[in-house]
């Protein structure tokens, strides 16, 4: 599955000068769930999530 809609949304935010980041991982599915079997980039995704939460 290609993240076309997410990429387009990200581009639209940037065009409007709204701060935005996009993280696209090689594996995993939408709604992977915190307690489900981890995917290869889980540790990287969790670091990205923690960094984002710390900025709130």
N, C-alpha and C. Protein backbone atom coordinates (compact mmCIF):
# COMPACT_ATOMS: atom_id res chain seq x y z
N UNK A 1 0.84 -1.17 0.00
CA UNK A 1 0.00 0.00 0.00
C UNK A 1 0.89 1.24 0.00
N UNK A 2 0.55 2.18 -0.82
CA UNK A 2 1.32 3.41 -0.92
C UNK A 2 0.64 4.51 -0.09
N UNK A 3 1.44 5.29 0.62
CA UNK A 3 0.88 6.34 1.49
C UNK A 3 0.59 7.64 0.73
N UNK A 4 -0.03 7.54 -0.43
CA UNK A 4 -0.26 8.70 -1.29
C UNK A 4 -1.05 9.79 -0.57
N UNK A 5 -2.12 9.44 0.09
CA UNK A 5 -2.96 10.45 0.74
C UNK A 5 -2.20 11.15 1.87
N UNK A 6 -1.42 10.40 2.60
CA UNK A 6 -0.62 11.00 3.68
C UNK A 6 0.41 11.96 3.12
N UNK A 7 1.05 11.57 2.04
CA UNK A 7 2.06 12.43 1.41
C UNK A 7 1.40 13.70 0.87
N UNK A 8 0.25 13.57 0.22
CA UNK A 8 -0.46 14.74 -0.30
C UNK A 8 -0.89 15.67 0.83
N UNK A 9 -1.36 15.12 1.92
CA UNK A 9 -1.76 15.92 3.07
C UNK A 9 -0.55 16.67 3.63
N UNK A 10 0.55 15.97 3.76
CA UNK A 10 1.79 16.58 4.26
C UNK A 10 2.21 17.74 3.35
N UNK A 11 2.17 17.53 2.04
CA UNK A 11 2.53 18.59 1.09
C UNK A 11 1.61 19.79 1.23
N UNK A 12 0.32 19.54 1.42
CA UNK A 12 -0.64 20.65 1.58
C UNK A 12 -0.34 21.45 2.85
N UNK A 13 0.01 20.78 3.91
CA UNK A 13 0.37 21.48 5.15
C UNK A 13 1.60 22.35 4.94
N UNK A 14 2.60 21.81 4.29
CA UNK A 14 3.83 22.55 4.02
C UNK A 14 3.52 23.77 3.15
N UNK A 15 2.69 23.60 2.14
CA UNK A 15 2.31 24.71 1.26
C UNK A 15 1.67 25.84 2.05
N UNK A 16 0.90 25.48 3.07
CA UNK A 16 0.23 26.48 3.91
C UNK A 16 1.11 26.95 5.08
N UNK A 17 2.38 26.53 5.06
CA UNK A 17 3.35 26.89 6.10
C UNK A 17 2.93 26.42 7.49
N UNK A 18 2.30 25.26 7.52
CA UNK A 18 1.92 24.62 8.78
C UNK A 18 2.99 23.57 9.08
N UNK A 19 3.63 23.67 10.25
CA UNK A 19 4.69 22.70 10.58
C UNK A 19 4.17 21.26 10.48
N UNK A 20 4.94 20.42 9.84
CA UNK A 20 4.49 19.05 9.62
C UNK A 20 5.68 18.13 9.44
N UNK A 21 5.50 16.90 9.87
CA UNK A 21 6.47 15.83 9.63
C UNK A 21 5.70 14.63 9.10
N UNK A 22 6.39 13.82 8.35
CA UNK A 22 5.78 12.56 7.90
C UNK A 22 6.83 11.46 8.09
N UNK A 23 6.39 10.36 8.64
CA UNK A 23 7.27 9.21 8.86
C UNK A 23 6.64 8.03 8.13
N UNK A 24 7.38 7.48 7.19
CA UNK A 24 6.89 6.34 6.42
C UNK A 24 7.84 5.18 6.68
N UNK A 25 7.28 4.11 7.20
CA UNK A 25 8.08 2.94 7.57
C UNK A 25 7.91 1.85 6.51
N UNK A 26 8.94 1.06 6.35
CA UNK A 26 8.94 0.02 5.31
C UNK A 26 7.91 -1.08 5.57
N UNK A 27 7.64 -1.36 6.84
CA UNK A 27 6.71 -2.44 7.20
C UNK A 27 5.71 -1.93 8.22
N UNK A 28 4.75 -2.76 8.51
CA UNK A 28 3.74 -2.42 9.50
C UNK A 28 2.43 -2.07 8.79
N UNK A 29 1.37 -2.06 9.55
CA UNK A 29 0.05 -1.77 8.99
C UNK A 29 -0.60 -0.68 9.82
N UNK A 30 -1.61 -0.07 9.26
CA UNK A 30 -2.37 0.94 9.99
C UNK A 30 -3.03 0.27 11.20
N UNK A 31 -2.97 0.94 12.33
CA UNK A 31 -3.59 0.38 13.53
C UNK A 31 -2.87 -0.85 14.05
N UNK A 32 -1.55 -0.88 13.96
CA UNK A 32 -0.77 -2.06 14.33
C UNK A 32 -1.00 -2.46 15.77
N UNK A 33 -1.36 -1.55 16.63
CA UNK A 33 -1.67 -1.89 18.02
C UNK A 33 -0.42 -2.02 18.88
N UNK A 34 -0.45 -1.41 20.03
CA UNK A 34 0.72 -1.41 20.90
C UNK A 34 1.07 -2.81 21.40
N UNK A 35 0.10 -3.66 21.65
CA UNK A 35 0.37 -4.98 22.24
C UNK A 35 0.41 -6.11 21.23
N UNK A 36 0.25 -5.78 19.97
CA UNK A 36 0.29 -6.85 18.96
C UNK A 36 1.74 -7.16 18.60
N UNK A 37 1.91 -8.20 17.82
CA UNK A 37 3.25 -8.61 17.41
C UNK A 37 3.99 -7.44 16.75
N UNK A 38 5.18 -7.11 17.21
CA UNK A 38 5.90 -5.96 16.67
C UNK A 38 6.35 -6.18 15.23
N UNK A 39 6.52 -5.08 14.53
CA UNK A 39 7.05 -5.15 13.18
C UNK A 39 8.50 -4.64 13.19
N UNK A 40 9.19 -4.76 12.09
CA UNK A 40 10.63 -4.50 12.05
C UNK A 40 11.01 -3.09 12.48
N UNK A 41 10.21 -2.09 12.16
CA UNK A 41 10.55 -0.72 12.50
C UNK A 41 9.85 -0.23 13.77
N UNK A 42 9.38 -1.14 14.60
CA UNK A 42 8.64 -0.75 15.80
C UNK A 42 9.46 0.14 16.72
N UNK A 43 10.72 -0.20 16.96
CA UNK A 43 11.56 0.59 17.86
C UNK A 43 11.75 2.00 17.32
N UNK A 44 11.99 2.11 16.03
CA UNK A 44 12.14 3.43 15.40
C UNK A 44 10.85 4.24 15.51
N UNK A 45 9.73 3.59 15.26
CA UNK A 45 8.45 4.27 15.34
C UNK A 45 8.15 4.73 16.76
N UNK A 46 8.50 3.91 17.74
CA UNK A 46 8.26 4.27 19.13
C UNK A 46 9.13 5.46 19.54
N UNK A 47 10.37 5.52 19.05
CA UNK A 47 11.23 6.68 19.32
C UNK A 47 10.63 7.94 18.71
N UNK A 48 10.16 7.83 17.48
CA UNK A 48 9.52 8.98 16.82
C UNK A 48 8.28 9.43 17.60
N UNK A 49 7.49 8.47 18.05
CA UNK A 49 6.28 8.79 18.83
C UNK A 49 6.65 9.47 20.14
N UNK A 50 7.63 8.93 20.84
CA UNK A 50 8.05 9.53 22.12
C UNK A 50 8.58 10.95 21.91
N UNK A 51 9.38 11.15 20.87
CA UNK A 51 9.89 12.49 20.58
C UNK A 51 8.76 13.46 20.31
N UNK A 52 7.77 13.04 19.57
CA UNK A 52 6.63 13.89 19.26
C UNK A 52 5.83 14.22 20.52
N UNK A 53 5.58 13.22 21.35
CA UNK A 53 4.83 13.45 22.58
C UNK A 53 5.54 14.40 23.52
N UNK A 54 6.86 14.33 23.55
CA UNK A 54 7.64 15.23 24.40
C UNK A 54 7.53 16.69 23.97
N UNK A 55 7.21 16.92 22.70
CA UNK A 55 7.11 18.30 22.21
C UNK A 55 5.73 18.90 22.45
N UNK A 56 4.78 18.10 22.88
CA UNK A 56 3.42 18.64 23.08
C UNK A 56 3.33 19.48 24.34
